[in-house]
Amino acid sequence: MAAAVPYETGFSRWVYILWGILSIVAGFFLLTRPAMTSLVLIEVMAIFWIVGGIFDMVRAIANRDDYWGWRIVAAIIGIIAGLYIIGNPILGTIFTISIAFILLAIYSIIAGIINIVVGIKGDGAGWGAIIIGAIQVLVGGWLLFNWQAGALVFVPVVAIFMIVGGIFSIIASFFSQRAGVPDSTPPPSQPAA
């Protein structure tokens, strides 16, 4: 028998509205003041890396499972990266944005290759997957070899996605009174056969 889920466990629509507003504001600042906003957002991320690294290290030491050594290594890398970014905010921001952009280009190439393979294998995707995959590989390759120019466009594109995502989050909040909580209305009864 399923346990009743109280109303308070689901996200209120106000959480989505607040998330949407914050996303729109951050996107607006990324569009109008890209350097300063990027710097602030990367600094906040660095603080999260440091604090998260400390907590991960404590958790790894307290719970010595099979991978506790790797967890400590990852925690140390996070702490060092966070400290580097805080100590060198401008270089840290440029480095972080450049790495994110390069990873995005590599992802585009890998996703393109996968789409081409799926299209060739004929798993229902066909030529559409091959064409999309080829475009992904070409765009990813161009971005990878022209990353300096592409990185300049990266922040405004992220800003536009944040604004659009924020708008959709606010719109979506009006379609659900309590997101994450199943609807409590009983299903319509079926007529007897």
N, C-alpha and C. Protein backbone atom coordinates (compact mmCIF):
# COMPACT_ATOMS: atom_id res chain seq x y z
N MET A 1 0.84 -1.17 0.00
CA MET A 1 0.00 0.00 0.00
C MET A 1 0.89 1.23 0.00
N ALA A 2 0.55 2.17 -0.81
CA ALA A 2 1.37 3.38 -0.94
C ALA A 2 1.11 4.32 0.23
N ALA A 3 2.19 4.91 0.72
CA ALA A 3 2.07 5.88 1.81
C ALA A 3 1.61 7.22 1.24
N ALA A 4 0.83 7.93 2.02
CA ALA A 4 0.36 9.25 1.59
C ALA A 4 1.53 10.23 1.63
N VAL A 5 1.65 11.04 0.60
CA VAL A 5 2.72 12.04 0.53
C VAL A 5 2.11 13.38 0.91
N PRO A 6 2.62 13.99 1.98
CA PRO A 6 2.04 15.27 2.38
C PRO A 6 2.33 16.36 1.36
N TYR A 7 1.50 17.36 1.33
CA TYR A 7 1.61 18.47 0.40
C TYR A 7 2.95 19.17 0.52
N GLU A 8 3.50 19.27 1.72
CA GLU A 8 4.71 20.05 1.96
C GLU A 8 5.95 19.46 1.30
N THR A 9 5.93 18.19 0.89
CA THR A 9 7.14 17.59 0.32
C THR A 9 7.37 18.01 -1.12
N GLY A 10 6.36 18.49 -1.81
CA GLY A 10 6.53 18.91 -3.20
C GLY A 10 6.99 20.35 -3.27
N PHE A 11 7.62 20.69 -4.40
CA PHE A 11 8.02 22.07 -4.60
C PHE A 11 6.80 22.91 -4.87
N SER A 12 6.74 24.03 -4.24
CA SER A 12 5.69 24.98 -4.50
C SER A 12 5.96 25.64 -5.85
N ARG A 13 4.93 26.15 -6.47
CA ARG A 13 5.15 26.86 -7.73
C ARG A 13 6.05 28.06 -7.52
N TRP A 14 6.12 28.57 -6.29
CA TRP A 14 6.96 29.73 -6.01
C TRP A 14 8.44 29.41 -6.14
N VAL A 15 8.81 28.16 -5.92
CA VAL A 15 10.21 27.77 -6.12
C VAL A 15 10.58 27.93 -7.59
N TYR A 16 9.70 27.50 -8.48
CA TYR A 16 9.95 27.62 -9.91
C TYR A 16 9.91 29.07 -10.37
N ILE A 17 9.01 29.85 -9.78
CA ILE A 17 8.95 31.27 -10.11
C ILE A 17 10.24 31.96 -9.66
N LEU A 18 10.67 31.68 -8.43
CA LEU A 18 11.90 32.28 -7.92
C LEU A 18 13.10 31.86 -8.77
N TRP A 19 13.17 30.56 -9.11
CA TRP A 19 14.26 30.07 -9.96
C TRP A 19 14.23 30.79 -11.31
N GLY A 20 13.06 30.95 -11.88
CA GLY A 20 12.93 31.64 -13.16
C GLY A 20 13.38 33.10 -13.08
N ILE A 21 12.96 33.78 -12.02
CA ILE A 21 13.35 35.19 -11.86
C ILE A 21 14.86 35.32 -11.70
N LEU A 22 15.45 34.47 -10.84
CA LEU A 22 16.90 34.53 -10.64
C LEU A 22 17.65 34.20 -11.94
N SER A 23 17.13 33.26 -12.69
CA SER A 23 17.75 32.88 -13.96
C SER A 23 17.67 34.04 -14.97
N ILE A 24 16.54 34.70 -15.03
CA ILE A 24 16.37 35.84 -15.93
C ILE A 24 17.31 36.99 -15.53
N VAL A 25 17.38 37.28 -14.23
CA VAL A 25 18.25 38.36 -13.74
C VAL A 25 19.72 38.04 -14.05
N ALA A 26 20.15 36.81 -13.74
CA ALA A 26 21.54 36.43 -14.01
C ALA A 26 21.82 36.48 -15.52
N GLY A 27 20.88 36.02 -16.33
CA GLY A 27 21.05 36.09 -17.78
C GLY A 27 21.12 37.52 -18.28
N PHE A 28 20.29 38.39 -17.72
CA PHE A 28 20.32 39.80 -18.10
C PHE A 28 21.68 40.42 -17.77
N PHE A 29 22.19 40.12 -16.57
CA PHE A 29 23.50 40.66 -16.20
C PHE A 29 24.62 40.06 -17.06
N LEU A 30 24.49 38.78 -17.44
CA LEU A 30 25.49 38.19 -18.33
C LEU A 30 25.47 38.86 -19.70
N LEU A 31 24.31 39.31 -20.14
CA LEU A 31 24.22 40.01 -21.43
C LEU A 31 24.74 41.44 -21.34
N THR A 32 24.39 42.14 -20.27
CA THR A 32 24.74 43.56 -20.17
C THR A 32 26.10 43.81 -19.54
N ARG A 33 26.54 42.95 -18.64
CA ARG A 33 27.84 43.07 -17.99
C ARG A 33 28.51 41.70 -17.96
N PRO A 34 28.89 41.19 -19.11
CA PRO A 34 29.36 39.80 -19.18
C PRO A 34 30.63 39.53 -18.36
N ALA A 35 31.59 40.44 -18.40
CA ALA A 35 32.85 40.19 -17.69
C ALA A 35 32.63 40.16 -16.18
N MET A 36 31.97 41.16 -15.64
CA MET A 36 31.77 41.23 -14.20
C MET A 36 30.88 40.10 -13.70
N THR A 37 29.80 39.81 -14.43
CA THR A 37 28.90 38.74 -14.00
C THR A 37 29.57 37.38 -14.08
N SER A 38 30.34 37.15 -15.15
CA SER A 38 31.08 35.88 -15.25
C SER A 38 32.04 35.73 -14.09
N LEU A 39 32.72 36.82 -13.77
CA LEU A 39 33.67 36.81 -12.66
C LEU A 39 32.98 36.45 -11.35
N VAL A 40 31.84 37.06 -11.08
CA VAL A 40 31.11 36.80 -9.84
C VAL A 40 30.59 35.36 -9.82
N LEU A 41 30.00 34.89 -10.92
CA LEU A 41 29.46 33.53 -10.95
C LEU A 41 30.56 32.48 -10.79
N ILE A 42 31.72 32.72 -11.41
CA ILE A 42 32.83 31.77 -11.28
C ILE A 42 33.39 31.81 -9.86
N GLU A 43 33.42 32.98 -9.23
CA GLU A 43 33.88 33.07 -7.84
C GLU A 43 32.94 32.31 -6.90
N VAL A 44 31.64 32.42 -7.13
CA VAL A 44 30.67 31.67 -6.33
C VAL A 44 30.88 30.17 -6.54
N MET A 45 31.11 29.78 -7.80
CA MET A 45 31.38 28.37 -8.09
C MET A 45 32.64 27.91 -7.37
N ALA A 46 33.66 28.76 -7.30
CA ALA A 46 34.92 28.40 -6.62
C ALA A 46 34.67 28.17 -5.13
N ILE A 47 33.83 29.00 -4.53
CA ILE A 47 33.51 28.81 -3.11
C ILE A 47 32.80 27.48 -2.91
N PHE A 48 31.88 27.14 -3.82
CA PHE A 48 31.20 25.84 -3.74
C PHE A 48 32.20 24.70 -3.87
N TRP A 49 33.19 24.84 -4.76
CA TRP A 49 34.20 23.80 -4.92
C TRP A 49 35.00 23.61 -3.64
N ILE A 50 35.36 24.70 -3.00
CA ILE A 50 36.15 24.61 -1.77
C ILE A 50 35.33 23.95 -0.67
N VAL A 51 34.14 24.48 -0.43
CA VAL A 51 33.29 23.93 0.64
C VAL A 51 32.91 22.50 0.32
N GLY A 52 32.52 22.23 -0.92
CA GLY A 52 32.17 20.86 -1.31
C GLY A 52 33.35 19.92 -1.20
N GLY A 53 34.54 20.40 -1.55
CA GLY A 53 35.74 19.58 -1.43
C GLY A 53 36.04 19.22 0.01
N ILE A 54 35.86 20.17 0.91
CA ILE A 54 36.08 19.89 2.34
C ILE A 54 35.09 18.84 2.83
N PHE A 55 33.80 19.02 2.48
CA PHE A 55 32.79 18.05 2.91
C PHE A 55 33.05 16.67 2.29
N ASP A 56 33.44 16.64 1.02
CA ASP A 56 33.74 15.37 0.37
C ASP A 56 34.92 14.67 1.02
N MET A 57 35.92 15.45 1.42
CA MET A 57 37.09 14.86 2.06
C MET A 57 36.72 14.27 3.42
N VAL A 58 35.94 15.01 4.19
CA VAL A 58 35.51 14.52 5.50
C VAL A 58 34.67 13.26 5.33
N ARG A 59 33.76 13.27 4.35
CA ARG A 59 32.90 12.10 4.11
C ARG A 59 33.74 10.90 3.68
N ALA A 60 34.76 11.13 2.84
CA ALA A 60 35.61 10.02 2.38
C ALA A 60 36.41 9.42 3.53
N ILE A 61 36.89 10.28 4.43
CA ILE A 61 37.66 9.78 5.57
C ILE A 61 36.74 9.04 6.55
N ALA A 62 35.53 9.57 6.76
CA ALA A 62 34.60 8.95 7.70
C ALA A 62 34.05 7.62 7.17
N ASN A 63 33.80 7.54 5.88
CA ASN A 63 33.24 6.32 5.27
C ASN A 63 34.28 5.74 4.33
N ARG A 64 35.15 4.94 4.83
CA ARG A 64 36.23 4.37 4.01
C ARG A 64 35.71 3.18 3.21
N ASP A 65 35.04 3.51 2.10
CA ASP A 65 34.57 2.44 1.21
C ASP A 65 35.66 2.11 0.20
N ASP A 66 35.29 1.41 -0.86
CA ASP A 66 36.28 0.98 -1.85
C ASP A 66 36.95 2.14 -2.58
N TYR A 67 36.27 3.26 -2.70
CA TYR A 67 36.78 4.37 -3.51
C TYR A 67 37.14 5.59 -2.67
N TRP A 68 37.39 5.43 -1.40
CA TRP A 68 37.63 6.59 -0.54
C TRP A 68 38.88 7.34 -0.95
N GLY A 69 39.88 6.66 -1.46
CA GLY A 69 41.09 7.34 -1.92
C GLY A 69 40.83 8.25 -3.11
N TRP A 70 40.02 7.75 -4.05
CA TRP A 70 39.67 8.56 -5.21
C TRP A 70 38.82 9.76 -4.80
N ARG A 71 37.97 9.55 -3.80
CA ARG A 71 37.14 10.66 -3.32
C ARG A 71 38.00 11.75 -2.70
N ILE A 72 39.05 11.35 -2.00
CA ILE A 72 39.96 12.34 -1.41
C ILE A 72 40.71 13.08 -2.51
N VAL A 73 41.15 12.35 -3.53
CA VAL A 73 41.85 13.00 -4.66
C VAL A 73 40.93 14.02 -5.33
N ALA A 74 39.68 13.63 -5.58
CA ALA A 74 38.73 14.55 -6.21
C ALA A 74 38.46 15.76 -5.32
N ALA A 75 38.37 15.53 -4.02
CA ALA A 75 38.14 16.64 -3.08
C ALA A 75 39.32 17.60 -3.10
N ILE A 76 40.53 17.07 -3.12
CA ILE A 76 41.72 17.92 -3.14
C ILE A 76 41.77 18.73 -4.44
N ILE A 77 41.44 18.10 -5.56
CA ILE A 77 41.42 18.82 -6.84
C ILE A 77 40.40 19.95 -6.79
N GLY A 78 39.21 19.67 -6.24
CA GLY A 78 38.18 20.71 -6.12
C GLY A 78 38.63 21.87 -5.23
N ILE A 79 39.27 21.55 -4.12
CA ILE A 79 39.75 22.60 -3.21
C ILE A 79 40.85 23.43 -3.89
N ILE A 80 41.79 22.76 -4.54
CA ILE A 80 42.88 23.48 -5.21
C ILE A 80 42.32 24.36 -6.33
N ALA A 81 41.39 23.82 -7.13
CA ALA A 81 40.79 24.61 -8.22
C ALA A 81 40.06 25.82 -7.66
N GLY A 82 39.30 25.62 -6.60
CA GLY A 82 38.58 26.74 -5.98
C GLY A 82 39.52 27.79 -5.43
N LEU A 83 40.57 27.36 -4.76
CA LEU A 83 41.55 28.31 -4.22
C LEU A 83 42.27 29.06 -5.34
N TYR A 84 42.59 28.36 -6.43
CA TYR A 84 43.25 29.01 -7.57
C TYR A 84 42.35 30.09 -8.16
N ILE A 85 41.07 29.76 -8.35
CA ILE A 85 40.15 30.73 -8.95
C ILE A 85 39.97 31.93 -8.03
N ILE A 86 39.87 31.71 -6.74
CA ILE A 86 39.72 32.84 -5.81
C ILE A 86 41.00 33.67 -5.77
N GLY A 87 42.16 33.00 -5.83
CA GLY A 87 43.43 33.71 -5.80
C GLY A 87 43.73 34.46 -7.09
N ASN A 88 43.25 33.97 -8.21
CA ASN A 88 43.46 34.58 -9.53
C ASN A 88 42.12 34.70 -10.24
N PRO A 89 41.27 35.63 -9.81
CA PRO A 89 39.89 35.64 -10.31
C PRO A 89 39.76 35.84 -11.83
N ILE A 90 40.56 36.70 -12.39
CA ILE A 90 40.41 36.97 -13.83
C ILE A 90 40.92 35.78 -14.64
N LEU A 91 42.13 35.30 -14.32
CA LEU A 91 42.65 34.13 -15.04
C LEU A 91 41.79 32.90 -14.79
N GLY A 92 41.31 32.74 -13.56
CA GLY A 92 40.45 31.61 -13.24
C GLY A 92 39.16 31.62 -14.03
N THR A 93 38.58 32.81 -14.20
CA THR A 93 37.34 32.93 -14.97
C THR A 93 37.59 32.63 -16.44
N ILE A 94 38.64 33.20 -17.00
CA ILE A 94 38.97 32.94 -18.41
C ILE A 94 39.24 31.45 -18.62
N PHE A 95 40.01 30.86 -17.71
CA PHE A 95 40.34 29.44 -17.81
C PHE A 95 39.08 28.58 -17.71
N THR A 96 38.21 28.87 -16.75
CA THR A 96 37.00 28.08 -16.55
C THR A 96 36.08 28.17 -17.77
N ILE A 97 35.88 29.37 -18.29
CA ILE A 97 35.02 29.53 -19.47
C ILE A 97 35.63 28.82 -20.67
N SER A 98 36.94 28.93 -20.83
CA SER A 98 37.61 28.27 -21.97
C SER A 98 37.49 26.76 -21.87
N ILE A 99 37.71 26.21 -20.69
CA ILE A 99 37.60 24.75 -20.51
C ILE A 99 36.16 24.30 -20.76
N ALA A 100 35.19 25.03 -20.23
CA ALA A 100 33.78 24.67 -20.45
C ALA A 100 33.46 24.68 -21.94
N PHE A 101 33.98 25.67 -22.64
CA PHE A 101 33.72 25.78 -24.07
C PHE A 101 34.37 24.63 -24.84
N ILE A 102 35.60 24.30 -24.49
CA ILE A 102 36.30 23.20 -25.15
C ILE A 102 35.58 21.88 -24.89
N LEU A 103 35.12 21.67 -23.65
CA LEU A 103 34.36 20.45 -23.35
C LEU A 103 33.06 20.38 -24.15
N LEU A 104 32.41 21.52 -24.32
CA LEU A 104 31.20 21.57 -25.13
C LEU A 104 31.50 21.20 -26.58
N ALA A 105 32.62 21.68 -27.12
CA ALA A 105 33.02 21.34 -28.49
C ALA A 105 33.30 19.84 -28.61
N ILE A 106 34.01 19.28 -27.63
CA ILE A 106 34.31 17.84 -27.66
C ILE A 106 33.01 17.03 -27.56
N TYR A 107 32.10 17.48 -26.70
CA TYR A 107 30.80 16.80 -26.59
C TYR A 107 30.07 16.82 -27.93
N SER A 108 30.11 17.95 -28.62
CA SER A 108 29.43 18.06 -29.92
C SER A 108 30.00 17.05 -30.91
N ILE A 109 31.32 16.90 -30.92
CA ILE A 109 31.95 15.94 -31.83
C ILE A 109 31.54 14.51 -31.48
N ILE A 110 31.58 14.17 -30.19
CA ILE A 110 31.22 12.81 -29.76
C ILE A 110 29.75 12.51 -30.06
N ALA A 111 28.86 13.47 -29.74
CA ALA A 111 27.44 13.28 -30.02
C ALA A 111 27.20 13.15 -31.51
N GLY A 112 27.94 13.90 -32.33
CA GLY A 112 27.81 13.80 -33.77
C GLY A 112 28.22 12.44 -34.29
N ILE A 113 29.33 11.93 -33.77
CA ILE A 113 29.79 10.59 -34.19
C ILE A 113 28.76 9.54 -33.81
N ILE A 114 28.21 9.65 -32.61
CA ILE A 114 27.18 8.69 -32.17
C ILE A 114 25.96 8.77 -33.09
N ASN A 115 25.53 9.98 -33.44
CA ASN A 115 24.38 10.12 -34.35
C ASN A 115 24.68 9.53 -35.72
N ILE A 116 25.88 9.71 -36.22
CA ILE A 116 26.25 9.14 -37.53
C ILE A 116 26.20 7.61 -37.46
N VAL A 117 26.77 7.04 -36.39
CA VAL A 117 26.77 5.58 -36.23
C VAL A 117 25.34 5.05 -36.14
N VAL A 118 24.50 5.72 -35.35
CA VAL A 118 23.10 5.29 -35.21
C VAL A 118 22.39 5.39 -36.56
N GLY A 119 22.66 6.46 -37.30
CA GLY A 119 22.05 6.62 -38.62
C GLY A 119 22.48 5.56 -39.60
N ILE A 120 23.77 5.19 -39.56
CA ILE A 120 24.29 4.16 -40.47
C ILE A 120 23.74 2.79 -40.10
N LYS A 121 23.64 2.53 -38.78
CA LYS A 121 23.12 1.23 -38.35
C LYS A 121 21.65 1.07 -38.72
N GLY A 122 20.96 2.18 -38.95
CA GLY A 122 19.58 2.11 -39.38
C GLY A 122 18.60 1.77 -38.28
N ASP A 123 18.86 2.26 -37.06
CA ASP A 123 17.94 1.99 -35.94
C ASP A 123 16.75 2.95 -35.96
N GLY A 124 16.19 3.17 -37.12
CA GLY A 124 15.02 4.01 -37.24
C GLY A 124 15.34 5.48 -37.44
N ALA A 125 16.62 5.87 -37.30
CA ALA A 125 16.98 7.27 -37.42
C ALA A 125 17.29 7.65 -38.86
N GLY A 126 18.05 6.83 -39.55
CA GLY A 126 18.33 7.02 -40.97
C GLY A 126 19.15 8.26 -41.29
N TRP A 127 18.83 8.85 -42.45
CA TRP A 127 19.60 9.97 -42.96
C TRP A 127 19.53 11.20 -42.07
N GLY A 128 18.43 11.40 -41.38
CA GLY A 128 18.30 12.56 -40.49
C GLY A 128 19.39 12.56 -39.42
N ALA A 129 19.61 11.38 -38.82
CA ALA A 129 20.65 11.28 -37.79
C ALA A 129 22.03 11.47 -38.39
N ILE A 130 22.24 10.96 -39.60
CA ILE A 130 23.55 11.12 -40.25
C ILE A 130 23.82 12.59 -40.54
N ILE A 131 22.83 13.29 -41.06
CA ILE A 131 23.00 14.72 -41.38
C ILE A 131 23.22 15.53 -40.11
N ILE A 132 22.39 15.30 -39.09
CA ILE A 132 22.56 16.03 -37.83
C ILE A 132 23.92 15.70 -37.21
N GLY A 133 24.31 14.45 -37.25
CA GLY A 133 25.61 14.05 -36.72
C GLY A 133 26.76 14.72 -37.44
N ALA A 134 26.66 14.78 -38.77
CA ALA A 134 27.72 15.45 -39.55
C ALA A 134 27.80 16.92 -39.20
N ILE A 135 26.66 17.56 -39.03
CA ILE A 135 26.64 18.99 -38.64
C ILE A 135 27.26 19.14 -37.25
N GLN A 136 26.91 18.25 -36.32
CA GLN A 136 27.49 18.33 -34.98
C GLN A 136 29.01 18.17 -35.02
N VAL A 137 29.50 17.23 -35.81
CA VAL A 137 30.94 17.02 -35.90
C VAL A 137 31.62 18.25 -36.51
N LEU A 138 31.03 18.80 -37.56
CA LEU A 138 31.62 19.99 -38.19
C LEU A 138 31.62 21.19 -37.25
N VAL A 139 30.49 21.44 -36.59
CA VAL A 139 30.42 22.56 -35.66
C VAL A 139 31.36 22.34 -34.48
N GLY A 140 31.36 21.14 -33.93
CA GLY A 140 32.26 20.84 -32.82
C GLY A 140 33.72 20.98 -33.21
N GLY A 141 34.07 20.52 -34.40
CA GLY A 141 35.45 20.67 -34.89
C GLY A 141 35.82 22.12 -35.08
N TRP A 142 34.90 22.90 -35.66
CA TRP A 142 35.17 24.33 -35.85
C TRP A 142 35.34 25.01 -34.50
N LEU A 143 34.46 24.69 -33.55
CA LEU A 143 34.56 25.30 -32.22
C LEU A 143 35.85 24.89 -31.52
N LEU A 144 36.26 23.65 -31.69
CA LEU A 144 37.46 23.16 -31.03
C LEU A 144 38.72 23.84 -31.58
N PHE A 145 38.75 24.08 -32.88
CA PHE A 145 39.94 24.69 -33.47
C PHE A 145 39.87 26.21 -33.55
N ASN A 146 38.73 26.78 -33.23
CA ASN A 146 38.57 28.24 -33.16
C ASN A 146 38.00 28.64 -31.81
N TRP A 147 38.49 28.02 -30.75
CA TRP A 147 37.88 28.19 -29.44
C TRP A 147 38.02 29.60 -28.90
N GLN A 148 39.03 30.35 -29.31
CA GLN A 148 39.17 31.71 -28.80
C GLN A 148 38.01 32.57 -29.29
N ALA A 149 37.68 32.46 -30.56
CA ALA A 149 36.56 33.23 -31.10
C ALA A 149 35.23 32.72 -30.55
N GLY A 150 35.10 31.41 -30.44
CA GLY A 150 33.86 30.83 -29.93
C GLY A 150 33.61 31.14 -28.47
N ALA A 151 34.69 31.23 -27.69
CA ALA A 151 34.53 31.51 -26.26
C ALA A 151 33.96 32.90 -26.03
N LEU A 152 34.21 33.82 -26.96
CA LEU A 152 33.64 35.16 -26.84
C LEU A 152 32.12 35.14 -26.98
N VAL A 153 31.62 34.18 -27.75
CA VAL A 153 30.18 34.06 -27.97
C VAL A 153 29.53 33.21 -26.88
N PHE A 154 30.33 32.42 -26.18
CA PHE A 154 29.82 31.46 -25.21
C PHE A 154 29.00 32.13 -24.11
N VAL A 155 29.51 33.19 -23.51
CA VAL A 155 28.81 33.83 -22.39
C VAL A 155 27.47 34.42 -22.83
N PRO A 156 27.40 35.17 -23.94
CA PRO A 156 26.07 35.65 -24.36
C PRO A 156 25.08 34.53 -24.69
N VAL A 157 25.57 33.44 -25.25
CA VAL A 157 24.67 32.32 -25.55
C VAL A 157 24.15 31.71 -24.26
N VAL A 158 25.02 31.55 -23.27
CA VAL A 158 24.58 31.05 -21.96
C VAL A 158 23.55 32.02 -21.36
N ALA A 159 23.79 33.32 -21.52
CA ALA A 159 22.86 34.33 -20.99
C ALA A 159 21.49 34.18 -21.63
N ILE A 160 21.45 33.99 -22.93
CA ILE A 160 20.17 33.85 -23.63
C ILE A 160 19.46 32.58 -23.16
N PHE A 161 20.22 31.48 -23.01
CA PHE A 161 19.61 30.25 -22.50
C PHE A 161 19.07 30.45 -21.08
N MET A 162 19.78 31.20 -20.25
CA MET A 162 19.31 31.45 -18.89
C MET A 162 18.02 32.26 -18.90
N ILE A 163 17.95 33.27 -19.75
CA ILE A 163 16.74 34.09 -19.82
C ILE A 163 15.57 33.26 -20.33
N VAL A 164 15.76 32.53 -21.41
CA VAL A 164 14.69 31.70 -21.97
C VAL A 164 14.28 30.62 -20.98
N GLY A 165 15.28 29.97 -20.34
CA GLY A 165 14.97 28.96 -19.33
C GLY A 165 14.20 29.54 -18.16
N GLY A 166 14.56 30.74 -17.74
CA GLY A 166 13.84 31.40 -16.65
C GLY A 166 12.39 31.69 -17.02
N ILE A 167 12.19 32.15 -18.26
CA ILE A 167 10.82 32.43 -18.72
C ILE A 167 10.00 31.14 -18.74
N PHE A 168 10.59 30.06 -19.27
CA PHE A 168 9.87 28.79 -19.31
C PHE A 168 9.62 28.24 -17.90
N SER A 169 10.54 28.46 -16.97
CA SER A 169 10.33 28.02 -15.60
C SER A 169 9.14 28.73 -14.97
N ILE A 170 9.04 30.03 -15.22
CA ILE A 170 7.90 30.80 -14.68
C ILE A 170 6.60 30.33 -15.33
N ILE A 171 6.61 30.15 -16.65
CA ILE A 171 5.41 29.68 -17.34
C ILE A 171 5.01 28.30 -16.82
N ALA A 172 6.00 27.40 -16.69
CA ALA A 172 5.70 26.04 -16.23
C ALA A 172 5.14 26.03 -14.81
N SER A 173 5.52 27.01 -14.00
CA SER A 173 5.04 27.04 -12.62
C SER A 173 3.52 27.21 -12.55
N PHE A 174 2.94 27.81 -13.57
CA PHE A 174 1.50 28.02 -13.56
C PHE A 174 0.71 26.80 -14.03
N PHE A 175 1.42 25.79 -14.52
CA PHE A 175 0.75 24.57 -14.95
C PHE A 175 0.74 23.50 -13.87
N SER A 176 1.38 23.78 -12.75
CA SER A 176 1.42 22.80 -11.68
C SER A 176 1.31 23.50 -10.34
N GLN A 177 0.30 23.13 -9.58
CA GLN A 177 0.16 23.70 -8.24
C GLN A 177 1.25 23.18 -7.32
N ARG A 178 1.55 21.90 -7.44
CA ARG A 178 2.54 21.29 -6.55
C ARG A 178 3.39 20.33 -7.37
N ALA A 179 4.44 20.83 -7.91
CA ALA A 179 5.32 19.99 -8.72
C ALA A 179 6.00 18.97 -7.82
N GLY A 180 6.15 17.77 -8.30
CA GLY A 180 6.83 16.72 -7.53
C GLY A 180 5.90 15.93 -6.65
N VAL A 181 4.64 16.33 -6.53
CA VAL A 181 3.67 15.61 -5.70
C VAL A 181 2.62 15.04 -6.63
N PRO A 182 2.37 13.74 -6.54
CA PRO A 182 1.37 13.14 -7.43
C PRO A 182 -0.01 13.75 -7.21
N ASP A 183 -0.78 13.80 -8.26
CA ASP A 183 -2.13 14.33 -8.18
C ASP A 183 -2.97 13.42 -7.28
N SER A 184 -3.68 14.03 -6.35
CA SER A 184 -4.44 13.24 -5.38
C SER A 184 -5.88 12.98 -5.82
N THR A 185 -6.28 13.51 -6.97
CA THR A 185 -7.64 13.26 -7.41
C THR A 185 -7.76 11.83 -7.90
N PRO A 186 -8.81 11.15 -7.52
CA PRO A 186 -8.96 9.75 -7.94
C PRO A 186 -9.23 9.67 -9.43
N PRO A 187 -8.75 8.60 -10.06
CA PRO A 187 -9.02 8.43 -11.50
C PRO A 187 -10.51 8.20 -11.71
N PRO A 188 -10.98 8.53 -12.92
CA PRO A 188 -12.41 8.31 -13.19
C PRO A 188 -12.72 6.81 -13.14
N SER A 189 -13.89 6.49 -12.62
CA SER A 189 -14.26 5.08 -12.50
C SER A 189 -14.58 4.52 -13.88
N GLN A 190 -14.24 3.25 -14.04
CA GLN A 190 -14.48 2.57 -15.31
C GLN A 190 -15.86 1.93 -15.26
N PRO A 191 -16.62 2.01 -16.36
CA PRO A 191 -17.94 1.35 -16.37
C PRO A 191 -17.77 -0.18 -16.32
N ALA A 192 -18.72 -0.81 -15.67
CA ALA A 192 -18.67 -2.27 -15.54
C ALA A 192 -18.93 -2.91 -16.90
N ALA A 193 -18.24 -4.00 -17.17
CA ALA A 193 -18.38 -4.67 -18.46
C ALA A 193 -19.53 -5.58 -18.54
